[in-house]
C-alpha cells in the first residue's frame, strides 16, 4: 500500500503519513512502527464538529 505525506503536516520533518486508501496514519520518522487504523472521514467529521474538544 502506498503512503503519502498528509497536507496537515508541518515543516521540519514532523510528518504524518496517510495511507493511500485513507484507512491508516503513521509517523513518517518511524515507517516500520505502529500504524493507527481509522475511518479518517468519520474522524475528520468528529474533529470538525468539535465533539472531540475538551
PDB file of N, CA and C in Angstrom:
ATOM      1  N   UNK A   1       0.844  -1.176   0.000  1.00  0.00           N
ATOM      2  CA  UNK A   1       0.000   0.000   0.000  1.00  0.00           C
ATOM      3  C   UNK A   1       0.890   1.240   0.000  1.00  0.00           C
ATOM      4  N   UNK A   2       0.510   2.225  -0.730  1.00  0.00           N
ATOM      5  CA  UNK A   2       1.265   3.478  -0.826  1.00  0.00           C
ATOM      6  C   UNK A   2       0.903   4.429   0.313  1.00  0.00           C
ATOM      7  N   UNK A   3       1.877   5.222   0.761  1.00  0.00           N
ATOM      8  CA  UNK A   3       1.694   6.230   1.801  1.00  0.00           C
ATOM      9  C   UNK A   3       2.062   7.585   1.226  1.00  0.00           C
ATOM     10  N   UNK A   4       1.435   8.643   1.725  1.00  0.00           N
ATOM     11  CA  UNK A   4       1.771   9.991   1.294  1.00  0.00           C
ATOM     12  C   UNK A   4       1.765  10.914   2.504  1.00  0.00           C
ATOM     13  N   UNK A   5       2.481  12.005   2.384  1.00  0.00           N
ATOM     14  CA  UNK A   5       2.536  12.988   3.461  1.00  0.00           C
ATOM     15  C   UNK A   5       1.181  13.690   3.549  1.00  0.00           C
ATOM     16  N   UNK A   6       0.673  13.782   4.743  1.00  0.00           N
ATOM     17  CA  UNK A   6      -0.591  14.475   4.957  1.00  0.00           C
ATOM     18  C   UNK A   6      -0.435  15.954   4.668  1.00  0.00           C
ATOM     19  N   UNK A   7      -1.450  16.561   4.099  1.00  0.00           N
ATOM     20  CA  UNK A   7      -1.414  18.002   3.838  1.00  0.00           C
ATOM     21  C   UNK A   7      -1.459  18.792   5.140  1.00  0.00           C
ATOM     22  N   UNK A   8      -1.761  18.151   6.258  1.00  0.00           N
ATOM     23  CA  UNK A   8      -1.809  18.808   7.557  1.00  0.00           C
ATOM     24  C   UNK A   8      -0.458  18.769   8.277  1.00  0.00           C
ATOM     25  N   UNK A   9       0.533  18.091   7.696  1.00  0.00           N
ATOM     26  CA  UNK A   9       1.852  18.007   8.314  1.00  0.00           C
ATOM     27  C   UNK A   9       2.562  19.347   8.215  1.00  0.00           C
ATOM     28  N   UNK A  10       3.317  19.649   9.253  1.00  0.00           N
ATOM     29  CA  UNK A  10       4.084  20.881   9.252  1.00  0.00           C
ATOM     30  C   UNK A  10       5.433  20.697   8.592  1.00  0.00           C
ATOM     31  N   UNK A  11       6.252  21.717   8.677  1.00  0.00           N
ATOM     32  CA  UNK A  11       7.599  21.629   8.128  1.00  0.00           C
ATOM     33  C   UNK A  11       8.547  21.116   9.213  1.00  0.00           C
ATOM     34  N   UNK A  12       9.769  20.885   8.849  1.00  0.00           N
ATOM     35  CA  UNK A  12      10.764  20.462   9.826  1.00  0.00           C
ATOM     36  C   UNK A  12      10.840  18.967  10.042  1.00  0.00           C
ATOM     37  N   UNK A  13      10.278  18.166   9.164  1.00  0.00           N
ATOM     38  CA  UNK A  13      10.396  16.724   9.281  1.00  0.00           C
ATOM     39  C   UNK A  13       9.376  16.057  10.175  1.00  0.00           C
ATOM     40  N   UNK A  14       8.480  16.818  10.783  1.00  0.00           N
ATOM     41  CA  UNK A  14       7.424  16.225  11.603  1.00  0.00           C
ATOM     42  C   UNK A  14       6.228  15.930  10.709  1.00  0.00           C
ATOM     43  N   UNK A  15       6.211  14.748  10.154  1.00  0.00           N
ATOM     44  CA  UNK A  15       5.201  14.431   9.147  1.00  0.00           C
ATOM     45  C   UNK A  15       4.290  13.291   9.582  1.00  0.00           C
ATOM     46  N   UNK A  16       3.058  13.457   9.271  1.00  0.00           N
ATOM     47  CA  UNK A  16       2.084  12.388   9.397  1.00  0.00           C
ATOM     48  C   UNK A  16       1.868  11.855   7.994  1.00  0.00           C
ATOM     49  N   UNK A  17       1.939  10.552   7.842  1.00  0.00           N
ATOM     50  CA  UNK A  17       1.679   9.945   6.549  1.00  0.00           C
ATOM     51  C   UNK A  17       0.311   9.286   6.572  1.00  0.00           C
ATOM     52  N   UNK A  18      -0.373   9.389   5.446  1.00  0.00           N
ATOM     53  CA  UNK A  18      -1.706   8.837   5.287  1.00  0.00           C
ATOM     54  C   UNK A  18      -1.629   7.740   4.234  1.00  0.00           C
ATOM     55  N   UNK A  19      -2.235   6.603   4.557  1.00  0.00           N
ATOM     56  CA  UNK A  19      -2.252   5.513   3.578  1.00  0.00           C
ATOM     57  C   UNK A  19      -3.131   5.903   2.400  1.00  0.00           C
ATOM     58  N   UNK A  20      -2.792   5.414   1.248  1.00  0.00           N
ATOM     59  CA  UNK A  20      -3.478   5.772   0.006  1.00  0.00           C
ATOM     60  C   UNK A  20      -5.004   5.609   0.098  1.00  0.00           C
ATOM     61  N   UNK A  21      -5.459   4.576   0.799  1.00  0.00           N
ATOM     62  CA  UNK A  21      -6.906   4.341   0.904  1.00  0.00           C
ATOM     63  C   UNK A  21      -7.534   5.104   2.072  1.00  0.00           C
ATOM     64  N   UNK A  22      -6.729   5.958   2.744  1.00  0.00           N
ATOM     65  CA  UNK A  22      -7.177   6.792   3.864  1.00  0.00           C
ATOM     66  C   UNK A  22      -7.665   5.984   5.064  1.00  0.00           C
ATOM     67  N   UNK A  23      -7.198   4.744   5.198  1.00  0.00           N
ATOM     68  CA  UNK A  23      -7.649   3.887   6.288  1.00  0.00           C
ATOM     69  C   UNK A  23      -6.644   3.807   7.436  1.00  0.00           C
ATOM     70  N   UNK A  24      -5.500   4.519   7.310  1.00  0.00           N
ATOM     71  CA  UNK A  24      -4.497   4.450   8.367  1.00  0.00           C
ATOM     72  C   UNK A  24      -3.568   5.651   8.287  1.00  0.00           C
ATOM     73  N   UNK A  25      -2.975   5.976   9.431  1.00  0.00           N
ATOM     74  CA  UNK A  25      -1.959   7.028   9.509  1.00  0.00           C
ATOM     75  C   UNK A  25      -0.757   6.485  10.274  1.00  0.00           C
ATOM     76  N   UNK A  26       0.419   7.092  10.035  1.00  0.00           N
ATOM     77  CA  UNK A  26       1.630   6.696  10.738  1.00  0.00           C
ATOM     78  C   UNK A  26       2.577   7.887  10.817  1.00  0.00           C
ATOM     79  N   UNK A  27       3.595   7.749  11.658  1.00  0.00           N
ATOM     80  CA  UNK A  27       4.639   8.748  11.813  1.00  0.00           C
ATOM     81  C   UNK A  27       5.712   8.482  10.758  1.00  0.00           C
ATOM     82  N   UNK A  28       6.020   9.466   9.946  1.00  0.00           N
ATOM     83  CA  UNK A  28       6.994   9.269   8.873  1.00  0.00           C
ATOM     84  C   UNK A  28       8.390   8.971   9.405  1.00  0.00           C
ATOM     85  N   UNK A  29       8.691   9.382  10.632  1.00  0.00           N
ATOM     86  CA  UNK A  29      10.016   9.133  11.203  1.00  0.00           C
ATOM     87  C   UNK A  29      10.183   7.669  11.616  1.00  0.00           C
ATOM     88  N   UNK A  30       9.102   6.910  11.673  1.00  0.00           N
ATOM     89  CA  UNK A  30       9.157   5.512  12.083  1.00  0.00           C
ATOM     90  C   UNK A  30       8.224   4.690  11.182  1.00  0.00           C
ATOM     91  N   UNK A  31       8.568   4.538   9.897  1.00  0.00           N
ATOM     92  CA  UNK A  31       7.669   3.867   8.950  1.00  0.00           C
ATOM     93  C   UNK A  31       7.406   2.395   9.233  1.00  0.00           C
ATOM     94  N   UNK A  32       8.258   1.740  10.032  1.00  0.00           N
ATOM     95  CA  UNK A  32       8.010   0.341  10.378  1.00  0.00           C
ATOM     96  C   UNK A  32       7.366   0.212  11.753  1.00  0.00           C
ATOM     97  N   UNK A  33       7.083   1.358  12.373  1.00  0.00           N
ATOM     98  CA  UNK A  33       6.482   1.377  13.700  1.00  0.00           C
ATOM     99  C   UNK A  33       4.973   1.189  13.640  1.00  0.00           C
ATOM    100  N   UNK A  34       4.313   1.516  14.726  1.00  0.00           N
ATOM    101  CA  UNK A  34       2.865   1.319  14.805  1.00  0.00           C
ATOM    102  C   UNK A  34       2.094   2.175  13.805  1.00  0.00           C
ATOM    103  N   UNK A  35       0.957   1.666  13.430  1.00  0.00           N
ATOM    104  CA  UNK A  35       0.050   2.336  12.496  1.00  0.00           C
ATOM    105  C   UNK A  35      -1.294   2.486  13.189  1.00  0.00           C
ATOM    106  N   UNK A  36      -1.901   3.640  13.038  1.00  0.00           N
ATOM    107  CA  UNK A  36      -3.228   3.872  13.589  1.00  0.00           C
ATOM    108  C   UNK A  36      -4.243   3.678  12.471  1.00  0.00           C
ATOM    109  N   UNK A  37      -5.011   2.606  12.555  1.00  0.00           N
ATOM    110  CA  UNK A  37      -6.040   2.327  11.552  1.00  0.00           C
ATOM    111  C   UNK A  37      -7.332   2.994  12.000  1.00  0.00           C
ATOM    112  N   UNK A  38      -7.846   3.878  11.147  1.00  0.00           N
ATOM    113  CA  UNK A  38      -9.043   4.652  11.481  1.00  0.00           C
ATOM    114  C   UNK A  38      -9.904   4.862  10.251  1.00  0.00           C
ATOM    115  N   UNK A  39     -11.136   5.226  10.493  1.00  0.00           N
ATOM    116  CA  UNK A  39     -12.011   5.708   9.429  1.00  0.00           C
ATOM    117  C   UNK A  39     -11.788   7.219   9.391  1.00  0.00           C
ATOM    118  N   UNK A  40     -10.865   7.669   8.529  1.00  0.00           N
ATOM    119  CA  UNK A  40     -10.461   9.067   8.542  1.00  0.00           C
ATOM    120  C   UNK A  40     -11.592  10.026   8.196  1.00  0.00           C
ATOM    121  N   UNK A  41     -12.498   9.626   7.362  1.00  0.00           N
ATOM    122  CA  UNK A  41     -13.606  10.524   7.032  1.00  0.00           C
ATOM    123  C   UNK A  41     -14.493  10.741   8.260  1.00  0.00           C
ATOM    124  N   UNK A  42     -14.702   9.692   9.044  1.00  0.00           N
ATOM    125  CA  UNK A  42     -15.504   9.836  10.265  1.00  0.00           C
ATOM    126  C   UNK A  42     -14.749  10.637  11.323  1.00  0.00           C
ATOM    127  N   UNK A  43     -13.459  10.346  11.482  1.00  0.00           N
ATOM    128  CA  UNK A  43     -12.650  11.096  12.439  1.00  0.00           C
ATOM    129  C   UNK A  43     -12.600  12.569  12.065  1.00  0.00           C
ATOM    130  N   UNK A  44     -12.419  12.861  10.796  1.00  0.00           N
ATOM    131  CA  UNK A  44     -12.390  14.248  10.335  1.00  0.00           C
ATOM    132  C   UNK A  44     -13.707  14.956  10.647  1.00  0.00           C
ATOM    133  N   UNK A  45     -14.809  14.272  10.439  1.00  0.00           N
ATOM    134  CA  UNK A  45     -16.120  14.853  10.731  1.00  0.00           C
ATOM    135  C   UNK A  45     -16.265  15.137  12.229  1.00  0.00           C
ATOM    136  N   UNK A  46     -15.769  14.233  13.074  1.00  0.00           N
ATOM    137  CA  UNK A  46     -15.823  14.458  14.527  1.00  0.00           C
ATOM    138  C   UNK A  46     -14.977  15.658  14.938  1.00  0.00           C
ATOM    139  N   UNK A  47     -13.786  15.766  14.370  1.00  0.00           N
ATOM    140  CA  UNK A  47     -12.910  16.896  14.696  1.00  0.00           C
ATOM    141  C   UNK A  47     -13.563  18.203  14.263  1.00  0.00           C
ATOM    142  N   UNK A  48     -14.077  18.235  13.049  1.00  0.00           N
ATOM    143  CA  UNK A  48     -14.702  19.461  12.534  1.00  0.00           C
ATOM    144  C   UNK A  48     -15.945  19.845  13.318  1.00  0.00           C
ATOM    145  N   UNK A  49     -16.648  18.869  13.863  1.00  0.00           N
ATOM    146  CA  UNK A  49     -17.873  19.144  14.615  1.00  0.00           C
ATOM    147  C   UNK A  49     -17.596  19.698  16.005  1.00  0.00           C
ATOM    148  N   UNK A  50     -16.349  19.529  16.478  1.00  0.00           N
ATOM    149  CA  UNK A  50     -15.997  19.989  17.814  1.00  0.00           C
ATOM    150  C   UNK A  50     -16.329  18.984  18.918  1.00  0.00           C
ATOM    151  N   UNK A  51     -16.814  17.805  18.563  1.00  0.00           N
ATOM    152  CA  UNK A  51     -17.190  16.801  19.549  1.00  0.00           C
ATOM    153  C   UNK A  51     -16.004  16.230  20.309  1.00  0.00           C
ATOM    154  N   UNK A  52     -14.796  16.430  19.798  1.00  0.00           N
ATOM    155  CA  UNK A  52     -13.612  15.921  20.472  1.00  0.00           C
ATOM    156  C   UNK A  52     -12.923  17.004  21.296  1.00  0.00           C
ATOM    157  N   UNK A  53     -13.466  18.212  21.285  1.00  0.00           N
ATOM    158  CA  UNK A  53     -12.889  19.294  22.090  1.00  0.00           C
ATOM    159  C   UNK A  53     -13.119  19.029  23.565  1.00  0.00           C
ATOM    160  N   UNK A  54     -12.187  19.477  24.362  1.00  0.00           N
ATOM    161  CA  UNK A  54     -12.331  19.322  25.824  1.00  0.00           C
ATOM    162  C   UNK A  54     -13.060  20.489  26.399  1.00  0.00           C
TER     163      UNK A  54
END
